[in-house]
Amino acid sequence: MPSILVINPNSSPSVTRSMQDCLGIITERSSYDIQCVELPKSPPGIETDEHVGMVIPNIIEKIAESDASAYVLSCFSDPGIEQVRASTDKPVVGIAESAYLAALGLGRTFGIVSLGPSSIGRHKRYLDALGLSRRLAGDRSIDMTIPQLMANNVVETVVRTGMKLRDEDGADVVILGCAGLGSYRAAMEEMLGLPIVDPVQAGVALAVTNLDLKYRTRAR
């Protein structure tokens, strides 16, 4: 059976479980074997530019030992995605880029609920590189670390942040800017009345599309 490996580039099993739980809407309909893994050599959260750089070799190592049909980088920084794509002839998608592409089809502007303040500048640089900055309405942090996020129910904080993106920044769509936030999608859609994009779902859905349509990858 063709397979998709969803790589959580940090070492947190709780983030991996959260990702798996959110992917039920896809796995129950898919003909692909979709597996989620974390990387034990990595830090428990990817919260700084230093962390992003640290995990790239771990991602490349994991892909080198895998025979999956496609890969999903399940960190909203899309760490080293060009390097990772250059290391394999299989499709590689990043959840941030996938979420942006999904949001573009759902509204005129999008807002991002970020985990920590240091993420915001990194997101802006990536959006500039992708040529998508003009579609960004706002990027607001809930000011947490990955361990804090996974240890608490922060639905009120996430919803309140989404409301500011909608009411003060004018976002038509809200993106959950962390792989561990997907469990809040349903509550946010109900409370905000807007499309809410879970990047992990968006990334796996794009990987499925790439395999279904047999898109070729770029020459290495």
N, C-alpha and C. Protein backbone atom coordinates (compact mmCIF):
# COMPACT_ATOMS: atom_id res chain seq x y z
N MET A 1 0.84 -1.19 0.00
CA MET A 1 0.00 0.00 0.00
C MET A 1 0.88 1.25 0.00
N PRO A 2 0.62 2.21 -0.88
CA PRO A 2 1.39 3.46 -0.85
C PRO A 2 1.24 4.14 0.51
N SER A 3 2.28 4.83 0.95
CA SER A 3 2.26 5.39 2.30
C SER A 3 2.70 6.85 2.31
N ILE A 4 2.24 7.55 3.34
CA ILE A 4 2.64 8.93 3.59
C ILE A 4 3.19 8.99 5.00
N LEU A 5 4.41 9.49 5.13
CA LEU A 5 5.02 9.63 6.45
C LEU A 5 4.92 11.08 6.88
N VAL A 6 4.23 11.31 7.98
CA VAL A 6 4.05 12.64 8.54
C VAL A 6 5.08 12.80 9.65
N ILE A 7 6.05 13.67 9.42
CA ILE A 7 7.18 13.81 10.34
C ILE A 7 6.96 14.99 11.27
N ASN A 8 6.79 14.70 12.55
CA ASN A 8 6.82 15.72 13.58
C ASN A 8 8.29 15.95 13.90
N PRO A 9 8.88 17.08 13.50
CA PRO A 9 10.32 17.23 13.65
C PRO A 9 10.80 17.44 15.09
N ASN A 10 9.87 17.60 16.05
CA ASN A 10 10.31 17.66 17.44
C ASN A 10 10.22 16.28 18.08
N SER A 11 10.54 16.19 19.36
CA SER A 11 10.61 14.89 20.03
C SER A 11 9.41 14.62 20.92
N SER A 12 8.35 15.38 20.75
CA SER A 12 7.20 15.29 21.65
C SER A 12 6.17 14.27 21.17
N PRO A 13 6.03 13.12 21.85
CA PRO A 13 4.99 12.15 21.46
C PRO A 13 3.58 12.72 21.58
N SER A 14 3.36 13.65 22.51
CA SER A 14 2.02 14.22 22.66
C SER A 14 1.62 15.04 21.44
N VAL A 15 2.57 15.73 20.82
CA VAL A 15 2.28 16.45 19.58
C VAL A 15 1.94 15.45 18.48
N THR A 16 2.69 14.36 18.41
CA THR A 16 2.41 13.34 17.40
C THR A 16 1.01 12.76 17.57
N ARG A 17 0.63 12.47 18.81
CA ARG A 17 -0.72 11.95 19.07
C ARG A 17 -1.78 12.96 18.67
N SER A 18 -1.54 14.23 18.96
CA SER A 18 -2.48 15.28 18.57
C SER A 18 -2.65 15.32 17.06
N MET A 19 -1.55 15.20 16.33
CA MET A 19 -1.60 15.17 14.87
C MET A 19 -2.42 13.99 14.38
N GLN A 20 -2.16 12.82 14.95
CA GLN A 20 -2.89 11.61 14.54
C GLN A 20 -4.39 11.78 14.77
N ASP A 21 -4.75 12.33 15.91
CA ASP A 21 -6.17 12.51 16.23
C ASP A 21 -6.86 13.41 15.20
N CYS A 22 -6.16 14.45 14.75
CA CYS A 22 -6.76 15.39 13.81
C CYS A 22 -6.84 14.84 12.39
N LEU A 23 -6.09 13.79 12.11
CA LEU A 23 -6.06 13.26 10.74
C LEU A 23 -7.12 12.21 10.46
N GLY A 24 -7.96 11.90 11.45
CA GLY A 24 -8.99 10.90 11.24
C GLY A 24 -9.90 11.23 10.07
N ILE A 25 -10.20 12.50 9.86
CA ILE A 25 -11.07 12.91 8.76
C ILE A 25 -10.48 12.55 7.40
N ILE A 26 -9.15 12.40 7.35
CA ILE A 26 -8.49 12.02 6.10
C ILE A 26 -8.22 10.52 6.05
N THR A 27 -7.71 9.96 7.16
CA THR A 27 -7.32 8.54 7.13
C THR A 27 -8.50 7.61 6.92
N GLU A 28 -9.67 8.00 7.42
CA GLU A 28 -10.83 7.12 7.27
C GLU A 28 -11.34 7.06 5.83
N ARG A 29 -10.90 8.00 5.00
CA ARG A 29 -11.33 8.03 3.60
C ARG A 29 -10.21 7.69 2.63
N SER A 30 -8.99 7.55 3.14
CA SER A 30 -7.83 7.46 2.27
C SER A 30 -7.43 6.02 1.98
N SER A 31 -6.87 5.82 0.80
CA SER A 31 -6.32 4.51 0.44
C SER A 31 -4.84 4.41 0.79
N TYR A 32 -4.29 5.46 1.42
CA TYR A 32 -2.88 5.48 1.78
C TYR A 32 -2.68 5.10 3.25
N ASP A 33 -1.56 4.48 3.52
CA ASP A 33 -1.15 4.21 4.89
C ASP A 33 -0.45 5.46 5.41
N ILE A 34 -1.12 6.18 6.31
CA ILE A 34 -0.62 7.46 6.81
C ILE A 34 -0.11 7.26 8.22
N GLN A 35 1.20 7.44 8.40
CA GLN A 35 1.83 7.24 9.69
C GLN A 35 2.45 8.54 10.19
N CYS A 36 2.38 8.78 11.49
CA CYS A 36 2.98 9.96 12.11
C CYS A 36 4.10 9.53 13.04
N VAL A 37 5.22 10.23 12.97
CA VAL A 37 6.36 9.92 13.84
C VAL A 37 6.98 11.21 14.35
N GLU A 38 7.60 11.13 15.54
CA GLU A 38 8.42 12.23 16.04
C GLU A 38 9.88 11.84 15.89
N LEU A 39 10.77 12.79 16.14
CA LEU A 39 12.21 12.57 15.99
C LEU A 39 12.87 12.69 17.36
N PRO A 40 13.27 11.57 17.96
CA PRO A 40 13.80 11.58 19.33
C PRO A 40 15.05 12.44 19.53
N LYS A 41 15.83 12.66 18.47
CA LYS A 41 17.05 13.47 18.61
C LYS A 41 16.77 14.97 18.67
N SER A 42 15.55 15.36 18.39
CA SER A 42 15.21 16.78 18.30
C SER A 42 14.75 17.34 19.65
N PRO A 43 14.70 18.67 19.79
CA PRO A 43 14.16 19.27 21.02
C PRO A 43 12.66 19.01 21.13
N PRO A 44 12.09 19.17 22.33
CA PRO A 44 10.65 18.90 22.52
C PRO A 44 9.74 19.87 21.81
N GLY A 45 10.25 21.03 21.43
CA GLY A 45 9.48 21.99 20.66
C GLY A 45 10.40 22.76 19.73
N ILE A 46 9.86 23.20 18.61
CA ILE A 46 10.65 24.00 17.66
C ILE A 46 10.15 25.42 17.76
N GLU A 47 10.84 26.22 18.55
CA GLU A 47 10.33 27.52 18.93
C GLU A 47 11.26 28.68 18.56
N THR A 48 12.47 28.37 18.09
CA THR A 48 13.44 29.41 17.74
C THR A 48 14.08 29.06 16.39
N ASP A 49 14.76 30.04 15.80
CA ASP A 49 15.49 29.78 14.56
C ASP A 49 16.57 28.73 14.78
N GLU A 50 17.17 28.73 15.97
CA GLU A 50 18.18 27.71 16.28
C GLU A 50 17.57 26.31 16.26
N HIS A 51 16.39 26.18 16.84
CA HIS A 51 15.72 24.88 16.82
C HIS A 51 15.44 24.43 15.38
N VAL A 52 15.00 25.36 14.55
CA VAL A 52 14.72 25.04 13.15
C VAL A 52 15.96 24.44 12.49
N GLY A 53 17.10 25.09 12.67
CA GLY A 53 18.33 24.59 12.08
C GLY A 53 18.75 23.25 12.63
N MET A 54 18.50 23.03 13.93
CA MET A 54 18.91 21.78 14.57
C MET A 54 18.20 20.56 14.01
N VAL A 55 16.94 20.72 13.60
CA VAL A 55 16.14 19.54 13.24
C VAL A 55 16.29 19.14 11.78
N ILE A 56 16.85 20.00 10.95
CA ILE A 56 16.94 19.68 9.52
C ILE A 56 17.71 18.39 9.26
N PRO A 57 18.90 18.19 9.85
CA PRO A 57 19.60 16.91 9.61
C PRO A 57 18.80 15.70 10.09
N ASN A 58 18.03 15.87 11.17
CA ASN A 58 17.22 14.76 11.68
C ASN A 58 16.11 14.39 10.70
N ILE A 59 15.52 15.40 10.07
CA ILE A 59 14.48 15.14 9.07
C ILE A 59 15.07 14.39 7.88
N ILE A 60 16.18 14.88 7.37
CA ILE A 60 16.82 14.25 6.20
C ILE A 60 17.23 12.81 6.53
N GLU A 61 17.74 12.60 7.74
CA GLU A 61 18.11 11.25 8.16
C GLU A 61 16.90 10.33 8.18
N LYS A 62 15.78 10.81 8.72
CA LYS A 62 14.57 10.00 8.80
C LYS A 62 14.07 9.62 7.41
N ILE A 63 14.09 10.57 6.49
CA ILE A 63 13.61 10.30 5.13
C ILE A 63 14.54 9.30 4.44
N ALA A 64 15.83 9.41 4.69
CA ALA A 64 16.80 8.51 4.05
C ALA A 64 16.57 7.05 4.44
N GLU A 65 16.05 6.83 5.64
CA GLU A 65 15.83 5.45 6.09
C GLU A 65 14.40 4.97 5.84
N SER A 66 13.59 5.80 5.19
CA SER A 66 12.18 5.48 4.95
C SER A 66 11.94 5.13 3.48
N ASP A 67 10.90 4.34 3.25
CA ASP A 67 10.50 4.04 1.87
C ASP A 67 9.08 4.54 1.59
N ALA A 68 8.66 5.57 2.30
CA ALA A 68 7.31 6.12 2.09
C ALA A 68 7.18 6.71 0.69
N SER A 69 5.94 6.85 0.24
CA SER A 69 5.66 7.40 -1.09
C SER A 69 5.69 8.91 -1.11
N ALA A 70 5.47 9.55 0.06
CA ALA A 70 5.48 11.01 0.19
C ALA A 70 5.72 11.37 1.64
N TYR A 71 6.17 12.61 1.85
CA TYR A 71 6.51 13.06 3.21
C TYR A 71 5.85 14.40 3.50
N VAL A 72 5.45 14.55 4.76
CA VAL A 72 4.86 15.81 5.23
C VAL A 72 5.72 16.32 6.39
N LEU A 73 6.27 17.53 6.26
CA LEU A 73 7.01 18.15 7.35
C LEU A 73 6.01 18.85 8.26
N SER A 74 5.78 18.27 9.43
CA SER A 74 4.70 18.74 10.28
C SER A 74 5.20 19.69 11.37
N CYS A 75 5.78 20.78 10.92
CA CYS A 75 6.14 21.91 11.79
C CYS A 75 5.82 23.16 10.99
N PHE A 76 5.22 24.16 11.62
CA PHE A 76 4.73 25.31 10.88
C PHE A 76 5.84 26.22 10.38
N SER A 77 7.09 25.89 10.69
CA SER A 77 8.22 26.61 10.11
C SER A 77 8.69 25.97 8.80
N ASP A 78 8.12 24.81 8.43
CA ASP A 78 8.58 24.06 7.25
C ASP A 78 10.12 23.99 7.24
N PRO A 79 10.73 23.44 8.31
CA PRO A 79 12.18 23.52 8.46
C PRO A 79 12.95 22.87 7.31
N GLY A 80 13.82 23.68 6.69
CA GLY A 80 14.72 23.17 5.66
C GLY A 80 14.03 22.53 4.47
N ILE A 81 12.85 23.02 4.12
CA ILE A 81 12.07 22.28 3.13
C ILE A 81 12.78 22.16 1.79
N GLU A 82 13.51 23.17 1.36
CA GLU A 82 14.22 23.06 0.09
C GLU A 82 15.34 22.04 0.18
N GLN A 83 16.06 22.01 1.31
CA GLN A 83 17.09 21.00 1.50
C GLN A 83 16.49 19.60 1.54
N VAL A 84 15.39 19.47 2.22
CA VAL A 84 14.74 18.16 2.33
C VAL A 84 14.26 17.69 0.96
N ARG A 85 13.65 18.58 0.20
CA ARG A 85 13.19 18.21 -1.15
C ARG A 85 14.35 17.79 -2.03
N ALA A 86 15.50 18.44 -1.84
CA ALA A 86 16.68 18.10 -2.65
C ALA A 86 17.26 16.74 -2.27
N SER A 87 16.88 16.22 -1.10
CA SER A 87 17.46 14.97 -0.62
C SER A 87 16.70 13.73 -1.06
N THR A 88 15.55 13.89 -1.72
CA THR A 88 14.72 12.75 -2.09
C THR A 88 14.01 13.01 -3.42
N ASP A 89 13.64 11.94 -4.09
CA ASP A 89 12.87 12.09 -5.32
C ASP A 89 11.38 11.88 -5.08
N LYS A 90 10.99 11.80 -3.81
CA LYS A 90 9.58 11.65 -3.43
C LYS A 90 8.99 13.02 -3.11
N PRO A 91 7.67 13.17 -3.24
CA PRO A 91 7.05 14.46 -2.89
C PRO A 91 7.25 14.80 -1.41
N VAL A 92 7.58 16.06 -1.14
CA VAL A 92 7.72 16.58 0.22
C VAL A 92 6.87 17.84 0.32
N VAL A 93 5.94 17.86 1.27
CA VAL A 93 5.13 19.06 1.46
C VAL A 93 5.34 19.57 2.88
N GLY A 94 5.25 20.87 3.06
CA GLY A 94 5.34 21.49 4.37
C GLY A 94 3.97 21.94 4.81
N ILE A 95 3.69 21.82 6.11
CA ILE A 95 2.33 22.15 6.55
C ILE A 95 2.05 23.64 6.50
N ALA A 96 3.07 24.48 6.64
CA ALA A 96 2.82 25.92 6.56
C ALA A 96 2.44 26.32 5.14
N GLU A 97 3.26 25.92 4.17
CA GLU A 97 2.95 26.25 2.78
C GLU A 97 1.59 25.68 2.37
N SER A 98 1.30 24.46 2.83
CA SER A 98 0.01 23.83 2.51
C SER A 98 -1.15 24.61 3.12
N ALA A 99 -0.96 25.09 4.35
CA ALA A 99 -2.03 25.86 5.00
C ALA A 99 -2.26 27.18 4.28
N TYR A 100 -1.18 27.84 3.86
CA TYR A 100 -1.33 29.09 3.12
C TYR A 100 -2.10 28.85 1.82
N LEU A 101 -1.75 27.78 1.11
CA LEU A 101 -2.44 27.48 -0.15
C LEU A 101 -3.91 27.19 0.08
N ALA A 102 -4.22 26.47 1.16
CA ALA A 102 -5.63 26.20 1.48
C ALA A 102 -6.37 27.49 1.80
N ALA A 103 -5.73 28.36 2.58
CA ALA A 103 -6.37 29.60 2.99
C ALA A 103 -6.64 30.52 1.80
N LEU A 104 -5.76 30.52 0.82
CA LEU A 104 -5.94 31.38 -0.35
C LEU A 104 -7.22 31.05 -1.10
N GLY A 105 -7.64 29.79 -1.03
CA GLY A 105 -8.87 29.39 -1.71
C GLY A 105 -10.12 29.58 -0.88
N LEU A 106 -9.96 30.05 0.36
CA LEU A 106 -11.10 30.18 1.27
C LEU A 106 -11.45 31.62 1.60
N GLY A 107 -10.56 32.55 1.30
CA GLY A 107 -10.83 33.94 1.64
C GLY A 107 -9.81 34.87 1.03
N ARG A 108 -10.05 36.15 1.17
CA ARG A 108 -9.16 37.16 0.60
C ARG A 108 -7.90 37.34 1.44
N THR A 109 -8.06 37.32 2.77
CA THR A 109 -6.93 37.47 3.67
C THR A 109 -6.99 36.42 4.77
N PHE A 110 -5.84 36.09 5.32
CA PHE A 110 -5.79 35.10 6.39
C PHE A 110 -5.00 35.64 7.57
N GLY A 111 -5.35 35.13 8.75
CA GLY A 111 -4.62 35.44 9.97
C GLY A 111 -4.03 34.16 10.52
N ILE A 112 -2.99 34.30 11.32
CA ILE A 112 -2.29 33.15 11.90
C ILE A 112 -2.32 33.24 13.42
N VAL A 113 -2.71 32.13 14.05
CA VAL A 113 -2.57 31.99 15.50
C VAL A 113 -1.23 31.30 15.74
N SER A 114 -0.25 32.06 16.23
CA SER A 114 1.09 31.53 16.43
C SER A 114 1.28 31.06 17.87
N LEU A 115 2.24 30.17 18.05
CA LEU A 115 2.50 29.64 19.38
C LEU A 115 3.22 30.67 20.26
N GLY A 116 4.37 31.18 19.78
CA GLY A 116 5.15 32.14 20.56
C GLY A 116 5.53 33.35 19.75
N PRO A 117 5.91 34.45 20.41
CA PRO A 117 6.24 35.68 19.70
C PRO A 117 7.38 35.51 18.69
N SER A 118 8.35 34.64 18.99
CA SER A 118 9.49 34.47 18.09
C SER A 118 9.09 33.85 16.76
N SER A 119 7.92 33.22 16.71
CA SER A 119 7.47 32.59 15.47
C SER A 119 7.03 33.61 14.43
N ILE A 120 6.57 34.76 14.89
CA ILE A 120 5.92 35.72 13.99
C ILE A 120 6.89 36.23 12.92
N GLY A 121 8.10 36.60 13.31
CA GLY A 121 9.08 37.06 12.33
C GLY A 121 9.47 35.98 11.35
N ARG A 122 9.56 34.75 11.85
CA ARG A 122 9.90 33.62 10.97
C ARG A 122 8.79 33.38 9.94
N HIS A 123 7.55 33.48 10.37
CA HIS A 123 6.43 33.33 9.44
C HIS A 123 6.47 34.43 8.37
N LYS A 124 6.77 35.66 8.80
CA LYS A 124 6.79 36.79 7.86
C LYS A 124 7.87 36.59 6.80
N ARG A 125 9.05 36.14 7.22
CA ARG A 125 10.13 35.90 6.26
C ARG A 125 9.72 34.82 5.26
N TYR A 126 9.06 33.79 5.73
CA TYR A 126 8.64 32.71 4.84
C TYR A 126 7.56 33.19 3.87
N LEU A 127 6.61 33.95 4.37
CA LEU A 127 5.57 34.50 3.50
C LEU A 127 6.16 35.43 2.45
N ASP A 128 7.17 36.23 2.84
CA ASP A 128 7.85 37.08 1.87
C ASP A 128 8.50 36.22 0.78
N ALA A 129 9.16 35.14 1.18
CA ALA A 129 9.84 34.26 0.22
C ALA A 129 8.85 33.59 -0.72
N LEU A 130 7.65 33.30 -0.22
CA LEU A 130 6.62 32.67 -1.04
C LEU A 130 5.82 33.68 -1.86
N GLY A 131 6.02 34.96 -1.61
CA GLY A 131 5.28 36.00 -2.32
C GLY A 131 3.85 36.14 -1.87
N LEU A 132 3.57 35.83 -0.61
CA LEU A 132 2.19 35.81 -0.12
C LEU A 132 1.91 36.84 0.97
N SER A 133 2.85 37.72 1.27
CA SER A 133 2.70 38.62 2.40
C SER A 133 1.48 39.53 2.29
N ARG A 134 1.11 39.89 1.07
CA ARG A 134 -0.02 40.81 0.90
C ARG A 134 -1.35 40.19 1.33
N ARG A 135 -1.39 38.88 1.44
CA ARG A 135 -2.63 38.22 1.85
C ARG A 135 -2.72 38.01 3.37
N LEU A 136 -1.65 38.37 4.08
CA LEU A 136 -1.63 38.21 5.53
C LEU A 136 -2.33 39.38 6.21
N ALA A 137 -3.40 39.07 6.96
CA ALA A 137 -4.10 40.11 7.71
C ALA A 137 -3.42 40.38 9.05
N GLY A 138 -2.93 39.34 9.69
CA GLY A 138 -2.28 39.50 10.98
C GLY A 138 -1.74 38.18 11.48
N ASP A 139 -0.82 38.27 12.43
CA ASP A 139 -0.21 37.09 13.04
C ASP A 139 -0.10 37.39 14.52
N ARG A 140 -0.83 36.64 15.34
CA ARG A 140 -0.89 36.91 16.79
C ARG A 140 -0.48 35.66 17.58
N SER A 141 0.29 35.88 18.61
CA SER A 141 0.84 34.79 19.43
C SER A 141 -0.02 34.52 20.66
N ILE A 142 -0.10 33.23 21.04
CA ILE A 142 -0.72 32.87 22.32
C ILE A 142 0.34 32.76 23.41
N ASP A 143 1.60 33.01 23.06
CA ASP A 143 2.71 33.12 24.02
C ASP A 143 2.85 31.87 24.88
N MET A 144 3.05 30.73 24.21
CA MET A 144 3.23 29.46 24.91
C MET A 144 4.37 28.68 24.29
N THR A 145 4.89 27.71 25.05
CA THR A 145 5.82 26.73 24.52
C THR A 145 5.05 25.47 24.17
N ILE A 146 5.68 24.56 23.43
CA ILE A 146 5.04 23.29 23.11
C ILE A 146 4.66 22.50 24.37
N PRO A 147 5.56 22.34 25.36
CA PRO A 147 5.14 21.62 26.57
C PRO A 147 3.95 22.25 27.27
N GLN A 148 3.92 23.58 27.33
CA GLN A 148 2.77 24.26 27.94
C GLN A 148 1.49 24.01 27.16
N LEU A 149 1.60 24.07 25.84
CA LEU A 149 0.42 23.86 24.99
C LEU A 149 -0.16 22.47 25.19
N MET A 150 0.72 21.45 25.21
CA MET A 150 0.24 20.08 25.28
C MET A 150 -0.26 19.71 26.67
N ALA A 151 0.10 20.50 27.69
CA ALA A 151 -0.30 20.19 29.07
C ALA A 151 -1.58 20.90 29.48
N ASN A 152 -2.10 21.76 28.62
CA ASN A 152 -3.26 22.57 29.02
C ASN A 152 -4.31 22.62 27.90
N ASN A 153 -5.56 22.88 28.33
CA ASN A 153 -6.62 23.17 27.38
C ASN A 153 -6.67 24.68 27.20
N VAL A 154 -6.28 25.14 26.03
CA VAL A 154 -6.16 26.59 25.81
C VAL A 154 -7.20 27.09 24.82
N VAL A 155 -8.34 26.41 24.77
CA VAL A 155 -9.34 26.77 23.77
C VAL A 155 -9.77 28.23 23.90
N GLU A 156 -9.96 28.73 25.13
CA GLU A 156 -10.40 30.12 25.29
C GLU A 156 -9.34 31.09 24.76
N THR A 157 -8.09 30.80 25.02
CA THR A 157 -7.01 31.66 24.54
C THR A 157 -6.94 31.65 23.02
N VAL A 158 -7.05 30.47 22.44
CA VAL A 158 -6.97 30.34 20.99
C VAL A 158 -8.16 31.03 20.32
N VAL A 159 -9.36 30.83 20.86
CA VAL A 159 -10.55 31.47 20.29
C VAL A 159 -10.45 32.99 20.43
N ARG A 160 -10.01 33.48 21.57
CA ARG A 160 -9.87 34.93 21.78
C ARG A 160 -8.87 35.52 20.79
N THR A 161 -7.78 34.81 20.54
CA THR A 161 -6.79 35.28 19.57
C THR A 161 -7.38 35.28 18.17
N GLY A 162 -8.15 34.25 17.84
CA GLY A 162 -8.81 34.20 16.54
C GLY A 162 -9.80 35.33 16.35
N MET A 163 -10.50 35.70 17.41
CA MET A 163 -11.45 36.81 17.33
C MET A 163 -10.74 38.13 17.04
N LYS A 164 -9.57 38.32 17.63
CA LYS A 164 -8.80 39.54 17.34
C LYS A 164 -8.34 39.56 15.88
N LEU A 165 -7.94 38.41 15.36
CA LEU A 165 -7.56 38.33 13.95
C LEU A 165 -8.74 38.68 13.05
N ARG A 166 -9.92 38.23 13.43
CA ARG A 166 -11.13 38.51 12.65
C ARG A 166 -11.59 39.95 12.79
N ASP A 167 -11.72 40.42 14.04
CA ASP A 167 -12.37 41.70 14.30
C ASP A 167 -11.43 42.90 14.18
N GLU A 168 -10.17 42.73 14.57
CA GLU A 168 -9.23 43.85 14.55
C GLU A 168 -8.34 43.85 13.31
N ASP A 169 -8.02 42.65 12.80
CA ASP A 169 -7.10 42.57 11.66
C ASP A 169 -7.81 42.32 10.33
N GLY A 170 -9.08 41.89 10.39
CA GLY A 170 -9.85 41.70 9.17
C GLY A 170 -9.61 40.40 8.45
N ALA A 171 -9.19 39.37 9.17
CA ALA A 171 -8.94 38.07 8.53
C ALA A 171 -10.24 37.40 8.10
N ASP A 172 -10.24 36.86 6.89
CA ASP A 172 -11.36 36.07 6.39
C ASP A 172 -11.22 34.59 6.73
N VAL A 173 -9.99 34.17 6.97
CA VAL A 173 -9.64 32.78 7.27
C VAL A 173 -8.62 32.83 8.40
N VAL A 174 -8.67 31.85 9.30
CA VAL A 174 -7.67 31.76 10.36
C VAL A 174 -6.92 30.44 10.23
N ILE A 175 -5.60 30.55 10.26
CA ILE A 175 -4.73 29.37 10.21
C ILE A 175 -4.19 29.10 11.61
N LEU A 176 -4.24 27.85 12.02
CA LEU A 176 -3.65 27.44 13.29
C LEU A 176 -2.16 27.23 13.06
N GLY A 177 -1.34 28.13 13.60
CA GLY A 177 0.07 28.17 13.24
C GLY A 177 0.97 27.28 14.06
N CYS A 178 0.52 26.06 14.36
CA CYS A 178 1.33 25.09 15.08
C CYS A 178 0.70 23.72 14.88
N ALA A 179 1.54 22.70 14.74
CA ALA A 179 1.01 21.34 14.53
C ALA A 179 0.20 20.83 15.72
N GLY A 180 0.41 21.41 16.90
CA GLY A 180 -0.30 20.95 18.08
C GLY A 180 -1.61 21.65 18.36
N LEU A 181 -2.07 22.52 17.45
CA LEU A 181 -3.29 23.30 17.68
C LEU A 181 -4.53 22.74 16.99
N GLY A 182 -4.37 21.67 16.22
CA GLY A 182 -5.48 21.19 15.39
C GLY A 182 -6.72 20.78 16.15
N SER A 183 -6.57 20.38 17.41
CA SER A 183 -7.73 19.93 18.19
C SER A 183 -8.72 21.07 18.46
N TYR A 184 -8.28 22.32 18.23
CA TYR A 184 -9.15 23.46 18.49
C TYR A 184 -9.90 23.94 17.25
N ARG A 185 -9.73 23.27 16.14
CA ARG A 185 -10.34 23.75 14.89
C ARG A 185 -11.87 23.83 14.99
N ALA A 186 -12.51 22.77 15.47
CA ALA A 186 -13.98 22.74 15.50
C ALA A 186 -14.54 23.83 16.39
N ALA A 187 -13.95 24.01 17.58
CA ALA A 187 -14.44 25.05 18.49
C ALA A 187 -14.26 26.43 17.90
N MET A 188 -13.15 26.64 17.21
CA MET A 188 -12.91 27.96 16.61
C MET A 188 -13.89 28.24 15.48
N GLU A 189 -14.17 27.24 14.65
CA GLU A 189 -15.12 27.47 13.56
C GLU A 189 -16.49 27.81 14.11
N GLU A 190 -16.90 27.12 15.19
CA GLU A 190 -18.21 27.39 15.78
C GLU A 190 -18.27 28.79 16.38
N MET A 191 -17.21 29.19 17.06
CA MET A 191 -17.21 30.47 17.75
C MET A 191 -16.96 31.66 16.83
N LEU A 192 -16.13 31.47 15.80
CA LEU A 192 -15.74 32.58 14.94
C LEU A 192 -16.59 32.69 13.68
N GLY A 193 -17.18 31.58 13.24
CA GLY A 193 -17.94 31.60 12.00
C GLY A 193 -17.08 31.82 10.77
N LEU A 194 -15.80 31.43 10.86
CA LEU A 194 -14.87 31.56 9.74
C LEU A 194 -14.27 30.19 9.40
N PRO A 195 -13.72 30.04 8.19
CA PRO A 195 -12.94 28.83 7.91
C PRO A 195 -11.69 28.82 8.77
N ILE A 196 -11.41 27.67 9.39
CA ILE A 196 -10.22 27.50 10.20
C ILE A 196 -9.38 26.40 9.57
N VAL A 197 -8.13 26.69 9.28
CA VAL A 197 -7.25 25.73 8.60
C VAL A 197 -6.30 25.10 9.61
N ASP A 198 -6.41 23.77 9.75
CA ASP A 198 -5.41 23.01 10.51
C ASP A 198 -4.29 22.66 9.54
N PRO A 199 -3.06 23.11 9.77
CA PRO A 199 -2.01 22.90 8.79
C PRO A 199 -1.63 21.44 8.58
N VAL A 200 -1.78 20.62 9.62
CA VAL A 200 -1.45 19.20 9.46
C VAL A 200 -2.45 18.55 8.49
N GLN A 201 -3.72 18.83 8.67
CA GLN A 201 -4.72 18.33 7.73
C GLN A 201 -4.44 18.83 6.32
N ALA A 202 -4.11 20.12 6.20
CA ALA A 202 -3.83 20.70 4.88
C ALA A 202 -2.62 20.05 4.23
N GLY A 203 -1.58 19.79 5.02
CA GLY A 203 -0.37 19.18 4.48
C GLY A 203 -0.61 17.76 3.99
N VAL A 204 -1.30 16.97 4.79
CA VAL A 204 -1.56 15.58 4.39
C VAL A 204 -2.51 15.55 3.20
N ALA A 205 -3.50 16.42 3.18
CA ALA A 205 -4.41 16.48 2.04
C ALA A 205 -3.66 16.82 0.75
N LEU A 206 -2.68 17.73 0.83
CA LEU A 206 -1.90 18.08 -0.36
C LEU A 206 -1.02 16.92 -0.78
N ALA A 207 -0.45 16.19 0.17
CA ALA A 207 0.35 15.01 -0.17
C ALA A 207 -0.51 13.96 -0.86
N VAL A 208 -1.72 13.76 -0.37
CA VAL A 208 -2.65 12.81 -1.01
C VAL A 208 -2.93 13.24 -2.45
N THR A 209 -3.20 14.54 -2.64
CA THR A 209 -3.47 15.05 -3.98
C THR A 209 -2.28 14.83 -4.91
N ASN A 210 -1.07 15.12 -4.42
CA ASN A 210 0.12 14.94 -5.24
C ASN A 210 0.27 13.49 -5.69
N LEU A 211 -0.02 12.54 -4.79
CA LEU A 211 0.09 11.13 -5.15
C LEU A 211 -1.05 10.71 -6.07
N ASP A 212 -2.26 11.16 -5.77
CA ASP A 212 -3.42 10.77 -6.60
C ASP A 212 -3.25 11.25 -8.04
N LEU A 213 -2.75 12.46 -8.21
CA LEU A 213 -2.61 13.04 -9.54
C LEU A 213 -1.27 12.74 -10.19
N LYS A 214 -0.43 12.01 -9.44
CA LYS A 214 0.86 11.54 -9.98
C LYS A 214 1.73 12.69 -10.49
N TYR A 215 1.74 13.79 -9.73
CA TYR A 215 2.63 14.89 -10.08
C TYR A 215 4.09 14.43 -9.96
N ARG A 216 4.90 14.81 -10.89
CA ARG A 216 6.31 14.47 -10.78
C ARG A 216 7.01 15.52 -9.92
N THR A 217 8.08 15.12 -9.28
CA THR A 217 8.87 16.05 -8.49
C THR A 217 9.93 16.70 -9.37
N ARG A 218 10.52 17.78 -8.85
CA ARG A 218 11.55 18.45 -9.62
C ARG A 218 12.79 17.57 -9.72
N ALA A 219 13.54 17.76 -10.80
CA ALA A 219 14.79 17.02 -10.97
C ALA A 219 15.76 17.39 -9.86
N ARG A 220 16.45 16.42 -9.29
CA ARG A 220 17.41 16.67 -8.22
C ARG A 220 18.72 17.18 -8.79
